[in-house]
Each structure stands twice: as structure tokens, then as C-alpha cells.
Amino acid sequence: MTEEQKTEAIKLVKQGLETIQAREYREIAEIPTEGKQQFEIKYSFVNEGVEGIFNIIGNTGANGTEAVSLVSEFTDDPLHSISDLTKEQINTDLRSAQDFLNKNLNMA
């Protein structure tokens, strides 16, 4: 995955998450991943009045031309405890964003 593809993928993830009406998502920061076949973004969310922070990790296959998979990584933060149900809802949202990303990202 080239740096240009990573930039485009991050934009598409953001667009995909903006379509989710049930929760509010905000990009906090892009985490540098130079030299890796992945990208990382730190996001915040609000779900039913509960705020939290998590990372989105986008990976491609070994040769960088396969579809991108998105994985969530939740930090252990005693101030922002996240229920399993909320994590499941966010992962469902990520699958939707992943589908949007893979339909629109040019990996050629």
C-alpha cells in the first residue's frame, strides 16, 4: 500500500463512518505507519451519551493489492469504560466503512 493509497483509504474510512447515524465519530489523529502495509487512525465516538476512544487499523495482504480489512483496537481507559455491546456496534460500523472503502479505493 503506497502512502497515496493510505491517504485515500483514510479519507474513505472517514466518509464511511460519517454515514453512520446511530453514533458520532471524530478523527483525532493519523498514527504514522511509514514502511508498513497498513494505516492507523485514532478516533473518538459518542454512543448513547457514552464517549470513548479507539484506533482503527487498516491492513492489506502481503503484496498490498488485496482488499483492506479494518480492525478496531480499544484502549483500556478507566475514564472511558466501553461496554461489549458498544464495541460490537462499533465493529459493525467498521464493517460498513470497510465495505465502502473497498468499493471505492483503487489498489492498482
N, C-alpha and C. Protein backbone atom coordinates (compact mmCIF):
# COMPACT_ATOMS: atom_id res chain seq x y z
N MET A 1 0.86 -1.17 0.00
CA MET A 1 0.00 0.00 0.00
C MET A 1 0.90 1.23 0.00
N THR A 2 0.73 2.07 -0.99
CA THR A 2 1.54 3.28 -1.08
C THR A 2 1.03 4.34 -0.10
N GLU A 3 1.84 5.36 0.13
CA GLU A 3 1.42 6.45 1.01
C GLU A 3 0.19 7.15 0.43
N GLU A 4 0.12 7.27 -0.89
CA GLU A 4 -1.04 7.88 -1.54
C GLU A 4 -2.30 7.04 -1.30
N GLN A 5 -2.17 5.73 -1.39
CA GLN A 5 -3.30 4.84 -1.14
C GLN A 5 -3.73 4.91 0.33
N LYS A 6 -2.76 5.02 1.24
CA LYS A 6 -3.10 5.15 2.66
C LYS A 6 -3.90 6.43 2.90
N THR A 7 -3.46 7.53 2.29
CA THR A 7 -4.16 8.81 2.45
C THR A 7 -5.58 8.70 1.92
N GLU A 8 -5.74 8.10 0.75
CA GLU A 8 -7.07 7.92 0.16
C GLU A 8 -7.92 6.99 1.03
N ALA A 9 -7.33 5.94 1.55
CA ALA A 9 -8.06 4.99 2.40
C ALA A 9 -8.56 5.68 3.67
N ILE A 10 -7.74 6.50 4.27
CA ILE A 10 -8.14 7.22 5.49
C ILE A 10 -9.31 8.14 5.19
N LYS A 11 -9.26 8.83 4.05
CA LYS A 11 -10.38 9.68 3.65
C LYS A 11 -11.67 8.88 3.48
N LEU A 12 -11.55 7.71 2.85
CA LEU A 12 -12.72 6.87 2.61
C LEU A 12 -13.29 6.28 3.91
N VAL A 13 -12.42 5.93 4.85
CA VAL A 13 -12.90 5.44 6.16
C VAL A 13 -13.71 6.55 6.83
N LYS A 14 -13.19 7.76 6.80
CA LYS A 14 -13.89 8.89 7.40
C LYS A 14 -15.25 9.09 6.74
N GLN A 15 -15.30 9.04 5.41
CA GLN A 15 -16.57 9.20 4.70
C GLN A 15 -17.53 8.07 5.07
N GLY A 16 -17.01 6.84 5.15
CA GLY A 16 -17.85 5.70 5.50
C GLY A 16 -18.44 5.83 6.89
N LEU A 17 -17.65 6.31 7.86
CA LEU A 17 -18.15 6.47 9.22
C LEU A 17 -19.11 7.64 9.35
N GLU A 18 -18.95 8.66 8.49
CA GLU A 18 -19.86 9.81 8.54
C GLU A 18 -21.28 9.43 8.16
N THR A 19 -21.46 8.32 7.46
CA THR A 19 -22.81 7.91 7.05
C THR A 19 -23.56 7.21 8.18
N ILE A 20 -22.87 6.85 9.25
CA ILE A 20 -23.50 6.16 10.39
C ILE A 20 -24.29 7.18 11.20
N GLN A 21 -25.57 6.95 11.33
CA GLN A 21 -26.44 7.89 12.05
C GLN A 21 -26.54 7.59 13.54
N ALA A 22 -26.33 6.33 13.94
CA ALA A 22 -26.56 5.93 15.33
C ALA A 22 -25.47 6.41 16.29
N ARG A 23 -24.28 6.67 15.78
CA ARG A 23 -23.16 7.10 16.60
C ARG A 23 -22.42 8.24 15.92
N GLU A 24 -21.75 9.05 16.73
CA GLU A 24 -20.95 10.15 16.19
C GLU A 24 -19.47 9.75 16.27
N TYR A 25 -18.78 9.89 15.15
CA TYR A 25 -17.35 9.58 15.10
C TYR A 25 -16.56 10.82 14.74
N ARG A 26 -15.38 10.96 15.36
CA ARG A 26 -14.48 12.07 15.04
C ARG A 26 -13.05 11.55 14.94
N GLU A 27 -12.40 11.92 13.86
CA GLU A 27 -10.99 11.55 13.72
C GLU A 27 -10.18 12.44 14.65
N ILE A 28 -9.30 11.82 15.43
CA ILE A 28 -8.43 12.57 16.32
C ILE A 28 -7.07 12.79 15.66
N ALA A 29 -6.48 11.71 15.16
CA ALA A 29 -5.14 11.83 14.58
C ALA A 29 -4.81 10.60 13.74
N GLU A 30 -3.99 10.83 12.76
CA GLU A 30 -3.43 9.73 11.99
C GLU A 30 -2.14 9.30 12.70
N ILE A 31 -1.96 8.01 12.87
CA ILE A 31 -0.77 7.48 13.53
C ILE A 31 0.22 7.06 12.44
N PRO A 32 1.44 7.59 12.47
CA PRO A 32 2.42 7.28 11.41
C PRO A 32 2.70 5.78 11.29
N THR A 33 2.72 5.29 10.05
CA THR A 33 2.99 3.87 9.79
C THR A 33 3.90 3.73 8.57
N GLU A 34 4.86 4.60 8.44
CA GLU A 34 5.75 4.56 7.27
C GLU A 34 6.44 3.21 7.16
N GLY A 35 6.51 2.72 5.93
CA GLY A 35 7.19 1.46 5.66
C GLY A 35 6.36 0.22 5.97
N LYS A 36 5.12 0.40 6.39
CA LYS A 36 4.25 -0.73 6.70
C LYS A 36 3.12 -0.79 5.68
N GLN A 37 2.56 -1.97 5.50
CA GLN A 37 1.42 -2.17 4.61
C GLN A 37 0.10 -1.94 5.36
N GLN A 38 0.06 -0.92 6.21
CA GLN A 38 -1.14 -0.64 6.99
C GLN A 38 -1.22 0.85 7.29
N PHE A 39 -2.36 1.26 7.80
CA PHE A 39 -2.53 2.62 8.30
C PHE A 39 -3.26 2.54 9.62
N GLU A 40 -3.09 3.58 10.44
CA GLU A 40 -3.77 3.64 11.74
C GLU A 40 -4.33 5.03 11.95
N ILE A 41 -5.54 5.07 12.52
CA ILE A 41 -6.20 6.33 12.81
C ILE A 41 -6.78 6.24 14.22
N LYS A 42 -6.60 7.27 15.01
CA LYS A 42 -7.21 7.34 16.35
C LYS A 42 -8.54 8.09 16.19
N TYR A 43 -9.61 7.49 16.72
CA TYR A 43 -10.95 8.06 16.62
C TYR A 43 -11.59 8.18 17.98
N SER A 44 -12.49 9.14 18.11
CA SER A 44 -13.37 9.20 19.28
C SER A 44 -14.78 8.93 18.79
N PHE A 45 -15.63 8.51 19.71
CA PHE A 45 -17.02 8.25 19.36
C PHE A 45 -17.91 8.64 20.53
N VAL A 46 -19.17 8.88 20.20
CA VAL A 46 -20.21 9.07 21.21
C VAL A 46 -21.33 8.11 20.86
N ASN A 47 -21.69 7.26 21.81
CA ASN A 47 -22.74 6.28 21.62
C ASN A 47 -23.66 6.33 22.83
N GLU A 48 -24.89 6.78 22.63
CA GLU A 48 -25.87 6.88 23.71
C GLU A 48 -25.31 7.64 24.91
N GLY A 49 -24.63 8.75 24.63
CA GLY A 49 -24.09 9.60 25.68
C GLY A 49 -22.76 9.14 26.26
N VAL A 50 -22.28 7.98 25.83
CA VAL A 50 -21.01 7.46 26.32
C VAL A 50 -19.92 7.80 25.31
N GLU A 51 -18.85 8.42 25.80
CA GLU A 51 -17.72 8.77 24.94
C GLU A 51 -16.61 7.74 25.08
N GLY A 52 -15.86 7.56 24.02
CA GLY A 52 -14.75 6.63 24.06
C GLY A 52 -13.75 6.91 22.94
N ILE A 53 -12.63 6.25 23.04
CA ILE A 53 -11.55 6.40 22.05
C ILE A 53 -11.11 5.02 21.61
N PHE A 54 -10.81 4.90 20.33
CA PHE A 54 -10.29 3.65 19.80
C PHE A 54 -9.44 3.92 18.58
N ASN A 55 -8.65 2.94 18.19
CA ASN A 55 -7.84 3.04 16.99
C ASN A 55 -8.45 2.16 15.91
N ILE A 56 -8.34 2.62 14.68
CA ILE A 56 -8.70 1.82 13.53
C ILE A 56 -7.40 1.45 12.83
N ILE A 57 -7.23 0.17 12.58
CA ILE A 57 -6.04 -0.31 11.87
C ILE A 57 -6.52 -0.90 10.56
N GLY A 58 -5.96 -0.40 9.46
CA GLY A 58 -6.30 -0.89 8.13
C GLY A 58 -5.13 -1.69 7.59
N ASN A 59 -5.39 -2.92 7.21
CA ASN A 59 -4.35 -3.81 6.69
C ASN A 59 -4.70 -4.31 5.30
N THR A 60 -3.66 -4.55 4.50
CA THR A 60 -3.84 -5.23 3.21
C THR A 60 -3.03 -6.51 3.27
N GLY A 61 -3.15 -7.33 2.23
CA GLY A 61 -2.39 -8.57 2.17
C GLY A 61 -0.91 -8.29 1.98
N ALA A 62 -0.13 -9.35 1.89
CA ALA A 62 1.33 -9.26 1.80
C ALA A 62 1.81 -8.44 0.61
N ASN A 63 1.12 -8.56 -0.53
CA ASN A 63 1.58 -7.80 -1.70
C ASN A 63 0.88 -6.45 -1.82
N GLY A 64 -0.02 -6.13 -0.88
CA GLY A 64 -0.62 -4.81 -0.83
C GLY A 64 -1.71 -4.54 -1.85
N THR A 65 -2.16 -5.56 -2.57
CA THR A 65 -3.17 -5.33 -3.59
C THR A 65 -4.52 -5.93 -3.24
N GLU A 66 -4.62 -6.68 -2.16
CA GLU A 66 -5.90 -7.25 -1.76
C GLU A 66 -6.77 -6.18 -1.09
N ALA A 67 -7.99 -6.58 -0.80
CA ALA A 67 -8.91 -5.67 -0.12
C ALA A 67 -8.34 -5.29 1.25
N VAL A 68 -8.74 -4.13 1.71
CA VAL A 68 -8.30 -3.62 3.00
C VAL A 68 -9.26 -4.14 4.07
N SER A 69 -8.70 -4.64 5.17
CA SER A 69 -9.52 -5.03 6.31
C SER A 69 -9.31 -4.02 7.44
N LEU A 70 -10.39 -3.66 8.11
CA LEU A 70 -10.33 -2.71 9.21
C LEU A 70 -10.54 -3.44 10.53
N VAL A 71 -9.72 -3.11 11.51
CA VAL A 71 -9.79 -3.73 12.83
C VAL A 71 -9.83 -2.60 13.87
N SER A 72 -10.64 -2.78 14.90
CA SER A 72 -10.68 -1.79 15.98
C SER A 72 -9.77 -2.25 17.11
N GLU A 73 -9.22 -1.28 17.79
CA GLU A 73 -8.36 -1.55 18.95
C GLU A 73 -8.76 -0.54 20.03
N PHE A 74 -9.34 -1.04 21.11
CA PHE A 74 -9.82 -0.18 22.18
C PHE A 74 -8.77 -0.09 23.28
N THR A 75 -8.55 1.13 23.76
CA THR A 75 -7.58 1.32 24.82
C THR A 75 -8.27 1.12 26.17
N ASP A 76 -7.52 0.64 27.13
CA ASP A 76 -8.03 0.49 28.48
C ASP A 76 -7.91 1.84 29.18
N ASP A 77 -9.04 2.52 29.28
CA ASP A 77 -9.07 3.84 29.87
C ASP A 77 -10.15 3.85 30.96
N PRO A 78 -9.75 3.95 32.22
CA PRO A 78 -10.74 3.89 33.30
C PRO A 78 -11.76 5.03 33.24
N LEU A 79 -11.42 6.14 32.58
CA LEU A 79 -12.36 7.25 32.46
C LEU A 79 -13.40 7.02 31.37
N HIS A 80 -13.09 6.13 30.42
CA HIS A 80 -13.99 5.87 29.30
C HIS A 80 -14.20 4.37 29.15
N SER A 81 -14.91 3.77 30.08
CA SER A 81 -15.19 2.34 30.02
C SER A 81 -16.16 2.07 28.86
N ILE A 82 -15.84 1.09 28.03
CA ILE A 82 -16.64 0.79 26.85
C ILE A 82 -17.24 -0.60 27.01
N SER A 83 -18.55 -0.69 26.90
CA SER A 83 -19.23 -1.98 27.06
C SER A 83 -18.98 -2.87 25.84
N ASP A 84 -19.17 -4.15 26.04
CA ASP A 84 -19.02 -5.11 24.94
C ASP A 84 -20.03 -4.83 23.84
N LEU A 85 -21.24 -4.43 24.21
CA LEU A 85 -22.26 -4.11 23.21
C LEU A 85 -21.83 -2.92 22.35
N THR A 86 -21.29 -1.89 22.99
CA THR A 86 -20.81 -0.73 22.24
C THR A 86 -19.68 -1.12 21.30
N LYS A 87 -18.76 -1.95 21.78
CA LYS A 87 -17.66 -2.41 20.93
C LYS A 87 -18.21 -3.17 19.72
N GLU A 88 -19.21 -4.01 19.95
CA GLU A 88 -19.83 -4.77 18.87
C GLU A 88 -20.49 -3.83 17.85
N GLN A 89 -21.17 -2.79 18.34
CA GLN A 89 -21.81 -1.83 17.45
C GLN A 89 -20.77 -1.07 16.62
N ILE A 90 -19.67 -0.70 17.24
CA ILE A 90 -18.60 0.00 16.52
C ILE A 90 -17.98 -0.93 15.48
N ASN A 91 -17.77 -2.18 15.82
CA ASN A 91 -17.22 -3.12 14.85
C ASN A 91 -18.17 -3.34 13.67
N THR A 92 -19.48 -3.31 13.93
CA THR A 92 -20.46 -3.38 12.84
C THR A 92 -20.34 -2.16 11.95
N ASP A 93 -20.20 -0.99 12.56
CA ASP A 93 -19.99 0.25 11.79
C ASP A 93 -18.72 0.17 10.96
N LEU A 94 -17.66 -0.41 11.54
CA LEU A 94 -16.39 -0.54 10.82
C LEU A 94 -16.52 -1.46 9.61
N ARG A 95 -17.31 -2.53 9.75
CA ARG A 95 -17.53 -3.41 8.59
C ARG A 95 -18.22 -2.66 7.46
N SER A 96 -19.15 -1.80 7.82
CA SER A 96 -19.82 -0.97 6.82
C SER A 96 -18.82 -0.01 6.16
N ALA A 97 -17.98 0.63 6.97
CA ALA A 97 -16.96 1.54 6.43
C ALA A 97 -15.95 0.77 5.58
N GLN A 98 -15.63 -0.46 5.99
CA GLN A 98 -14.71 -1.31 5.23
C GLN A 98 -15.28 -1.63 3.85
N ASP A 99 -16.56 -1.97 3.80
CA ASP A 99 -17.21 -2.23 2.51
C ASP A 99 -17.15 -1.00 1.62
N PHE A 100 -17.46 0.16 2.18
CA PHE A 100 -17.41 1.42 1.44
C PHE A 100 -16.00 1.68 0.93
N LEU A 101 -15.01 1.49 1.80
CA LEU A 101 -13.61 1.69 1.44
C LEU A 101 -13.20 0.80 0.28
N ASN A 102 -13.49 -0.48 0.37
CA ASN A 102 -13.05 -1.42 -0.66
C ASN A 102 -13.77 -1.23 -1.99
N LYS A 103 -14.97 -0.68 -1.95
CA LYS A 103 -15.68 -0.39 -3.21
C LYS A 103 -15.09 0.82 -3.92
N ASN A 104 -14.47 1.71 -3.16
CA ASN A 104 -14.05 2.99 -3.72
C ASN A 104 -12.54 3.20 -3.81
N LEU A 105 -11.74 2.35 -3.19
CA LEU A 105 -10.29 2.53 -3.20
C LEU A 105 -9.67 1.83 -4.39
N ASN A 106 -8.85 2.55 -5.11
CA ASN A 106 -8.13 1.98 -6.25
C ASN A 106 -6.79 1.44 -5.76
N MET A 107 -6.66 0.10 -5.71
CA MET A 107 -5.43 -0.52 -5.22
C MET A 107 -4.49 -0.91 -6.36
N ALA A 108 -4.83 -0.58 -7.59
CA ALA A 108 -3.98 -0.95 -8.73
C ALA A 108 -2.79 -0.04 -8.85
